[in-house]
Amino acid sequence: MATEFTVFVEDRPGALAHLTEVLVKNAVNILAIHGSPCTGQGIIQFVPDSPDAATEALRHAGFDYVTQNVLLVRLADEPGALARLARAMGEAGVNINAVYTAMTGQLVLDVDNHSKAQQVAMSLGVR
């Protein structure tokens, strides 16, 4: 399990630079990141190596954010690996709300049932 931060920024040039500079000044390493625009604002989702340091950095800089638990899983680098995981999750009744890749090669999964999702991943030999 990992902590994902969702940060709300202005949809303008330099907003991502400002956020990442705040994090680097506090020695926070980003393990995974995803961003998209949403009606006049930007939404940046990221998984840091140190949630406590990220929290401190964001609070001190005045960013609005929310956190949630996500799963980090490493799939085999082969055709069908994601399809097998997604099918198994669906058959177990686990909804995958969001998925994106980490810089480490892992997948970040936002799911509606973490314990069941972990069991499914383990049953497939996914770490």
C-alpha atoms as a PDB file:
ATOM      1  CA  MET A   1       0.000   0.000   0.000  1.00  0.00           C
ATOM      2  CA  ALA A   2       1.169   3.523  -0.791  1.00  0.00           C
ATOM      3  CA  THR A   3      -0.156   7.037  -0.278  1.00  0.00           C
ATOM      4  CA  GLU A   4      -1.306   9.000  -3.295  1.00  0.00           C
ATOM      5  CA  PHE A   5      -1.603  12.773  -3.111  1.00  0.00           C
ATOM      6  CA  THR A   6      -4.046  14.636  -5.320  1.00  0.00           C
ATOM      7  CA  VAL A   7      -3.000  18.272  -5.573  1.00  0.00           C
ATOM      8  CA  PHE A   8      -5.092  21.009  -7.127  1.00  0.00           C
ATOM      9  CA  VAL A   9      -3.090  23.649  -9.017  1.00  0.00           C
ATOM     10  CA  GLU A  10      -3.874  26.515 -11.360  1.00  0.00           C
ATOM     11  CA  ASP A  11      -4.053  25.441 -15.005  1.00  0.00           C
ATOM     12  CA  ARG A  12      -1.170  27.669 -16.115  1.00  0.00           C
ATOM     13  CA  PRO A  13       2.407  27.411 -17.329  1.00  0.00           C
ATOM     14  CA  GLY A  14       4.816  26.713 -14.478  1.00  0.00           C
ATOM     15  CA  ALA A  15       2.308  25.169 -12.060  1.00  0.00           C
ATOM     16  CA  LEU A  16       3.887  21.709 -12.255  1.00  0.00           C
ATOM     17  CA  ALA A  17       7.356  23.243 -11.920  1.00  0.00           C
ATOM     18  CA  HIS A  18       6.305  25.056  -8.747  1.00  0.00           C
ATOM     19  CA  LEU A  19       4.824  21.904  -7.206  1.00  0.00           C
ATOM     20  CA  THR A  20       7.835  19.742  -7.992  1.00  0.00           C
ATOM     21  CA  GLU A  21      10.267  22.412  -6.791  1.00  0.00           C
ATOM     22  CA  VAL A  22       8.437  22.555  -3.450  1.00  0.00           C
ATOM     23  CA  LEU A  23       8.769  18.794  -3.156  1.00  0.00           C
ATOM     24  CA  VAL A  24      12.445  18.650  -4.112  1.00  0.00           C
ATOM     25  CA  LYS A  25      13.295  21.391  -1.574  1.00  0.00           C
ATOM     26  CA  ASN A  26      11.916  18.993   1.045  1.00  0.00           C
ATOM     27  CA  ALA A  27      13.824  15.980  -0.340  1.00  0.00           C
ATOM     28  CA  VAL A  28      10.629  14.275  -1.558  1.00  0.00           C
ATOM     29  CA  ASN A  29      11.148  11.813  -4.402  1.00  0.00           C
ATOM     30  CA  ILE A  30       8.205  11.192  -6.717  1.00  0.00           C
ATOM     31  CA  LEU A  31       7.690   7.484  -7.406  1.00  0.00           C
ATOM     32  CA  ALA A  32       4.678   7.922  -9.702  1.00  0.00           C
ATOM     33  CA  ILE A  33       2.875  10.921 -11.166  1.00  0.00           C
ATOM     34  CA  HIS A  34      -0.144  11.680 -13.327  1.00  0.00           C
ATOM     35  CA  GLY A  35      -1.657  15.031 -14.222  1.00  0.00           C
ATOM     36  CA  SER A  36      -4.601  16.362 -16.188  1.00  0.00           C
ATOM     37  CA  PRO A  37      -6.577  19.575 -16.654  1.00  0.00           C
ATOM     38  CA  CYS A  38     -10.061  19.893 -15.240  1.00  0.00           C
ATOM     39  CA  THR A  39     -12.101  23.042 -15.966  1.00  0.00           C
ATOM     40  CA  GLY A  40      -9.709  25.821 -15.100  1.00  0.00           C
ATOM     41  CA  GLN A  41      -7.458  23.902 -12.745  1.00  0.00           C
ATOM     42  CA  GLY A  42      -4.869  21.204 -12.952  1.00  0.00           C
ATOM     43  CA  ILE A  43      -5.032  17.984 -11.001  1.00  0.00           C
ATOM     44  CA  ILE A  44      -1.731  16.320 -10.197  1.00  0.00           C
ATOM     45  CA  GLN A  45      -1.720  12.882  -8.596  1.00  0.00           C
ATOM     46  CA  PHE A  46       1.545  11.517  -7.287  1.00  0.00           C
ATOM     47  CA  VAL A  47       2.973   8.877  -4.992  1.00  0.00           C
ATOM     48  CA  PRO A  48       5.960  10.113  -2.945  1.00  0.00           C
ATOM     49  CA  ASP A  49       8.677   8.107  -1.262  1.00  0.00           C
ATOM     50  CA  SER A  50       7.888   9.897   2.020  1.00  0.00           C
ATOM     51  CA  PRO A  51       4.235  10.806   2.648  1.00  0.00           C
ATOM     52  CA  ASP A  52       5.133  12.671   5.841  1.00  0.00           C
ATOM     53  CA  ALA A  53       7.671  14.886   4.082  1.00  0.00           C
ATOM     54  CA  ALA A  54       5.248  15.498   1.207  1.00  0.00           C
ATOM     55  CA  THR A  55       2.499  16.491   3.638  1.00  0.00           C
ATOM     56  CA  GLU A  56       4.808  18.935   5.392  1.00  0.00           C
ATOM     57  CA  ALA A  57       6.010  20.427   2.104  1.00  0.00           C
ATOM     58  CA  LEU A  58       2.519  20.872   0.660  1.00  0.00           C
ATOM     59  CA  ARG A  59       1.086  22.364   3.859  1.00  0.00           C
ATOM     60  CA  HIS A  60       3.968  24.797   4.229  1.00  0.00           C
ATOM     61  CA  ALA A  61       3.592  25.926   0.579  1.00  0.00           C
ATOM     62  CA  GLY A  62      -0.204  26.321   0.894  1.00  0.00           C
ATOM     63  CA  PHE A  63      -1.282  23.686  -1.619  1.00  0.00           C
ATOM     64  CA  ASP A  64      -4.765  22.181  -1.459  1.00  0.00           C
ATOM     65  CA  TYR A  65      -4.577  18.400  -1.561  1.00  0.00           C
ATOM     66  CA  VAL A  66      -6.198  15.148  -0.487  1.00  0.00           C
ATOM     67  CA  THR A  67      -4.647  11.741   0.113  1.00  0.00           C
ATOM     68  CA  GLN A  68      -5.763   8.177  -0.334  1.00  0.00           C
ATOM     69  CA  ASN A  69      -4.270   4.717  -0.199  1.00  0.00           C
ATOM     70  CA  VAL A  70      -3.374   3.048  -3.492  1.00  0.00           C
ATOM     71  CA  LEU A  71      -1.714  -0.202  -4.453  1.00  0.00           C
ATOM     72  CA  LEU A  72       1.623  -0.431  -6.184  1.00  0.00           C
ATOM     73  CA  VAL A  73       2.000  -3.662  -8.130  1.00  0.00           C
ATOM     74  CA  ARG A  74       4.695  -4.966 -10.444  1.00  0.00           C
ATOM     75  CA  LEU A  75       3.450  -6.912 -13.435  1.00  0.00           C
ATOM     76  CA  ALA A  76       5.505  -9.087 -15.721  1.00  0.00           C
ATOM     77  CA  ASP A  77       6.563  -7.160 -18.826  1.00  0.00           C
ATOM     78  CA  GLU A  78       4.658  -9.356 -21.265  1.00  0.00           C
ATOM     79  CA  PRO A  79       1.538  -9.205 -23.408  1.00  0.00           C
ATOM     80  CA  GLY A  80      -1.629  -9.899 -21.424  1.00  0.00           C
ATOM     81  CA  ALA A  81      -0.257  -9.216 -17.926  1.00  0.00           C
ATOM     82  CA  LEU A  82      -2.521  -6.226 -17.331  1.00  0.00           C
ATOM     83  CA  ALA A  83      -5.479  -7.978 -18.965  1.00  0.00           C
ATOM     84  CA  ARG A  84      -5.095 -10.955 -16.587  1.00  0.00           C
ATOM     85  CA  LEU A  85      -4.893  -8.673 -13.551  1.00  0.00           C
ATOM     86  CA  ALA A  86      -7.850  -6.539 -14.655  1.00  0.00           C
ATOM     87  CA  ARG A  87      -9.981  -9.622 -15.399  1.00  0.00           C
ATOM     88  CA  ALA A  88      -9.144 -11.202 -12.032  1.00  0.00           C
ATOM     89  CA  MET A  89      -9.967  -7.953 -10.223  1.00  0.00           C
ATOM     90  CA  GLY A  90     -13.284  -7.685 -12.065  1.00  0.00           C
ATOM     91  CA  GLU A  91     -14.220 -11.294 -11.339  1.00  0.00           C
ATOM     92  CA  ALA A  92     -13.439 -10.706  -7.652  1.00  0.00           C
ATOM     93  CA  GLY A  93     -15.732  -7.669  -7.653  1.00  0.00           C
ATOM     94  CA  VAL A  94     -12.890  -5.153  -7.274  1.00  0.00           C
ATOM     95  CA  ASN A  95     -13.435  -1.922  -9.188  1.00  0.00           C
ATOM     96  CA  ILE A  96     -10.311  -0.262 -10.557  1.00  0.00           C
ATOM     97  CA  ASN A  97     -11.045   3.462 -10.340  1.00  0.00           C
ATOM     98  CA  ALA A  98      -7.745   4.620 -11.851  1.00  0.00           C
ATOM     99  CA  VAL A  99      -4.483   3.158 -13.096  1.00  0.00           C
ATOM    100  CA  TYR A 100      -1.197   4.750 -14.120  1.00  0.00           C
ATOM    101  CA  THR A 101       2.438   3.748 -14.219  1.00  0.00           C
ATOM    102  CA  ALA A 102       5.154   4.595 -11.747  1.00  0.00           C
ATOM    103  CA  MET A 103       8.680   5.596 -12.670  1.00  0.00           C
ATOM    104  CA  THR A 104       9.777   2.346 -11.057  1.00  0.00           C
ATOM    105  CA  GLY A 105       7.828   0.301 -13.615  1.00  0.00           C
ATOM    106  CA  GLN A 106       5.054  -0.550 -11.193  1.00  0.00           C
ATOM    107  CA  LEU A 107       1.375   0.178 -11.701  1.00  0.00           C
ATOM    108  CA  VAL A 108      -0.507   2.464  -9.356  1.00  0.00           C
ATOM    109  CA  LEU A 109      -4.015   1.132  -8.766  1.00  0.00           C
ATOM    110  CA  ASP A 110      -6.801   3.111  -7.124  1.00  0.00           C
ATOM    111  CA  VAL A 111      -9.288   0.390  -6.160  1.00  0.00           C
ATOM    112  CA  ASP A 112     -12.475   0.273  -4.140  1.00  0.00           C
ATOM    113  CA  ASN A 113     -11.383  -2.673  -1.959  1.00  0.00           C
ATOM    114  CA  HIS A 114      -7.690  -2.715  -1.043  1.00  0.00           C
ATOM    115  CA  SER A 115      -7.603  -5.956   0.908  1.00  0.00           C
ATOM    116  CA  LYS A 116      -9.436  -7.913  -1.776  1.00  0.00           C
ATOM    117  CA  ALA A 117      -7.279  -6.338  -4.489  1.00  0.00           C
ATOM    118  CA  GLN A 118      -4.113  -7.345  -2.640  1.00  0.00           C
ATOM    119  CA  GLN A 119      -5.404 -10.912  -2.341  1.00  0.00           C
ATOM    120  CA  VAL A 120      -6.175 -11.025  -6.062  1.00  0.00           C
ATOM    121  CA  ALA A 121      -2.749  -9.673  -6.979  1.00  0.00           C
ATOM    122  CA  MET A 122      -1.005 -12.137  -4.674  1.00  0.00           C
ATOM    123  CA  SER A 123      -3.011 -15.042  -6.111  1.00  0.00           C
ATOM    124  CA  LEU A 124      -1.616 -14.112  -9.538  1.00  0.00           C
ATOM    125  CA  GLY A 125       1.920 -13.882  -8.205  1.00  0.00           C
ATOM    126  CA  VAL A 126       1.955 -10.104  -8.648  1.00  0.00           C
ATOM    127  CA  ARG A 127       4.076  -8.276  -6.101  1.00  0.00           C
END
